[in-house]
Amino acid sequence: MTEKELLYVQDALGHEQYFKTQCRDTASRIQDGELKRFAQQLEQKHSEIFRSFLGLL
C-alpha cells in the first residue's frame, strides 16, 4: 500500500469512528424507541465499515 493510500484509509477510519460515536451519543439521548433502534443500527453499520477499513491495514 502506498503512503497516499494509507493516508486515505487512516482518514476513512477517523470518519467512521466519528460517525460511530455520533450515532451512539444520539441513540443515548433519543426517547422514541423506533428512532433509538435506527440510530443503534447506524452505529453497528459504521462499526462494520470501520472494521472493513481496519482490515486493509
N, C-alpha and C. Protein backbone atom coordinates (compact mmCIF):
# COMPACT_ATOMS: atom_id res chain seq x y z
N MET A 1 0.85 -1.17 0.00
CA MET A 1 0.00 0.00 0.00
C MET A 1 0.90 1.23 0.00
N THR A 2 0.56 2.17 -0.87
CA THR A 2 1.36 3.38 -0.93
C THR A 2 1.06 4.28 0.27
N GLU A 3 1.92 5.25 0.47
CA GLU A 3 1.72 6.17 1.59
C GLU A 3 0.42 6.95 1.42
N LYS A 4 0.11 7.33 0.19
CA LYS A 4 -1.12 8.08 -0.08
C LYS A 4 -2.35 7.22 0.21
N GLU A 5 -2.31 5.95 -0.17
CA GLU A 5 -3.43 5.05 0.11
C GLU A 5 -3.59 4.85 1.62
N LEU A 6 -2.49 4.73 2.30
CA LEU A 6 -2.53 4.59 3.76
C LEU A 6 -3.18 5.81 4.41
N LEU A 7 -2.86 6.98 3.90
CA LEU A 7 -3.47 8.21 4.43
C LEU A 7 -4.98 8.22 4.19
N TYR A 8 -5.41 7.73 3.03
CA TYR A 8 -6.85 7.65 2.74
C TYR A 8 -7.54 6.70 3.72
N VAL A 9 -6.93 5.56 3.98
CA VAL A 9 -7.52 4.59 4.90
C VAL A 9 -7.57 5.16 6.31
N GLN A 10 -6.49 5.81 6.73
CA GLN A 10 -6.49 6.43 8.06
C GLN A 10 -7.57 7.50 8.18
N ASP A 11 -7.74 8.27 7.14
CA ASP A 11 -8.77 9.30 7.12
C ASP A 11 -10.16 8.67 7.21
N ALA A 12 -10.38 7.61 6.45
CA ALA A 12 -11.66 6.91 6.47
C ALA A 12 -11.94 6.31 7.85
N LEU A 13 -10.91 5.77 8.49
CA LEU A 13 -11.07 5.24 9.85
C LEU A 13 -11.52 6.33 10.81
N GLY A 14 -10.92 7.48 10.68
CA GLY A 14 -11.29 8.61 11.54
C GLY A 14 -12.73 9.03 11.34
N HIS A 15 -13.16 9.06 10.08
CA HIS A 15 -14.55 9.42 9.79
C HIS A 15 -15.52 8.39 10.35
N GLU A 16 -15.22 7.14 10.16
CA GLU A 16 -16.11 6.09 10.65
C GLU A 16 -16.17 6.08 12.18
N GLN A 17 -15.05 6.35 12.82
CA GLN A 17 -15.04 6.43 14.28
C GLN A 17 -15.93 7.58 14.74
N TYR A 18 -15.84 8.70 14.05
CA TYR A 18 -16.66 9.87 14.38
C TYR A 18 -18.15 9.54 14.20
N PHE A 19 -18.51 8.92 13.06
CA PHE A 19 -19.91 8.58 12.80
C PHE A 19 -20.44 7.61 13.85
N LYS A 20 -19.61 6.64 14.21
CA LYS A 20 -19.98 5.66 15.22
C LYS A 20 -20.28 6.35 16.55
N THR A 21 -19.40 7.24 16.95
CA THR A 21 -19.57 7.97 18.21
C THR A 21 -20.82 8.84 18.18
N GLN A 22 -21.04 9.52 17.07
CA GLN A 22 -22.21 10.37 16.96
C GLN A 22 -23.51 9.56 17.03
N CYS A 23 -23.54 8.43 16.37
CA CYS A 23 -24.72 7.57 16.41
C CYS A 23 -24.98 7.05 17.83
N ARG A 24 -23.92 6.64 18.52
CA ARG A 24 -24.05 6.14 19.89
C ARG A 24 -24.57 7.24 20.81
N ASP A 25 -23.98 8.43 20.70
CA ASP A 25 -24.39 9.55 21.55
C ASP A 25 -25.84 9.96 21.26
N THR A 26 -26.19 9.98 20.00
CA THR A 26 -27.55 10.34 19.62
C THR A 26 -28.54 9.30 20.13
N ALA A 27 -28.23 8.04 19.96
CA ALA A 27 -29.13 6.97 20.41
C ALA A 27 -29.35 7.05 21.92
N SER A 28 -28.34 7.46 22.65
CA SER A 28 -28.48 7.53 24.11
C SER A 28 -29.42 8.65 24.54
N ARG A 29 -29.63 9.65 23.68
CA ARG A 29 -30.49 10.77 24.03
C ARG A 29 -31.91 10.66 23.46
N ILE A 30 -32.12 9.75 22.53
CA ILE A 30 -33.42 9.64 21.88
C ILE A 30 -34.40 8.88 22.78
N GLN A 31 -35.58 9.42 22.89
CA GLN A 31 -36.64 8.79 23.70
C GLN A 31 -37.49 7.82 22.88
N ASP A 32 -37.74 8.15 21.63
CA ASP A 32 -38.58 7.32 20.76
C ASP A 32 -37.86 6.00 20.46
N GLY A 33 -38.52 4.89 20.78
CA GLY A 33 -37.90 3.58 20.63
C GLY A 33 -37.49 3.24 19.21
N GLU A 34 -38.33 3.57 18.25
CA GLU A 34 -38.03 3.25 16.85
C GLU A 34 -36.83 4.05 16.35
N LEU A 35 -36.79 5.33 16.67
CA LEU A 35 -35.65 6.16 16.26
C LEU A 35 -34.38 5.72 16.98
N LYS A 36 -34.50 5.34 18.25
CA LYS A 36 -33.35 4.86 19.02
C LYS A 36 -32.76 3.61 18.36
N ARG A 37 -33.61 2.66 17.99
CA ARG A 37 -33.13 1.44 17.32
C ARG A 37 -32.46 1.77 15.98
N PHE A 38 -33.04 2.72 15.26
CA PHE A 38 -32.45 3.13 13.98
C PHE A 38 -31.04 3.69 14.18
N ALA A 39 -30.87 4.56 15.17
CA ALA A 39 -29.55 5.14 15.45
C ALA A 39 -28.58 4.04 15.88
N GLN A 40 -29.06 3.07 16.65
CA GLN A 40 -28.20 1.95 17.06
C GLN A 40 -27.80 1.09 15.86
N GLN A 41 -28.71 0.91 14.91
CA GLN A 41 -28.38 0.16 13.70
C GLN A 41 -27.33 0.91 12.89
N LEU A 42 -27.47 2.23 12.83
CA LEU A 42 -26.46 3.03 12.12
C LEU A 42 -25.09 2.89 12.79
N GLU A 43 -25.08 2.88 14.11
CA GLU A 43 -23.81 2.70 14.83
C GLU A 43 -23.19 1.36 14.49
N GLN A 44 -24.00 0.30 14.44
CA GLN A 44 -23.49 -1.03 14.09
C GLN A 44 -22.94 -1.04 12.67
N LYS A 45 -23.64 -0.39 11.75
CA LYS A 45 -23.18 -0.35 10.36
C LYS A 45 -21.84 0.37 10.26
N HIS A 46 -21.70 1.48 10.97
CA HIS A 46 -20.43 2.20 10.93
C HIS A 46 -19.31 1.40 11.62
N SER A 47 -19.66 0.59 12.60
CA SER A 47 -18.67 -0.31 13.22
C SER A 47 -18.18 -1.34 12.21
N GLU A 48 -19.10 -1.88 11.42
CA GLU A 48 -18.73 -2.85 10.39
C GLU A 48 -17.82 -2.21 9.34
N ILE A 49 -18.18 -1.01 8.92
CA ILE A 49 -17.37 -0.30 7.92
C ILE A 49 -15.98 0.00 8.50
N PHE A 50 -15.93 0.41 9.76
CA PHE A 50 -14.66 0.68 10.43
C PHE A 50 -13.78 -0.57 10.40
N ARG A 51 -14.36 -1.72 10.76
CA ARG A 51 -13.59 -2.97 10.76
C ARG A 51 -13.12 -3.33 9.35
N SER A 52 -13.92 -3.03 8.36
CA SER A 52 -13.52 -3.31 6.97
C SER A 52 -12.29 -2.49 6.59
N PHE A 53 -12.34 -1.20 6.92
CA PHE A 53 -11.18 -0.35 6.63
C PHE A 53 -9.96 -0.78 7.44
N LEU A 54 -10.17 -1.15 8.70
CA LEU A 54 -9.08 -1.60 9.54
C LEU A 54 -8.42 -2.86 8.96
N GLY A 55 -9.22 -3.70 8.34
CA GLY A 55 -8.71 -4.92 7.73
C GLY A 55 -7.78 -4.65 6.56
N LEU A 56 -7.81 -3.44 6.01
CA LEU A 56 -6.94 -3.10 4.90
C LEU A 56 -5.51 -2.83 5.36
N LEU A 57 -5.35 -2.60 6.64
CA LEU A 57 -4.01 -2.26 7.14
C LEU A 57 -3.17 -3.47 7.43
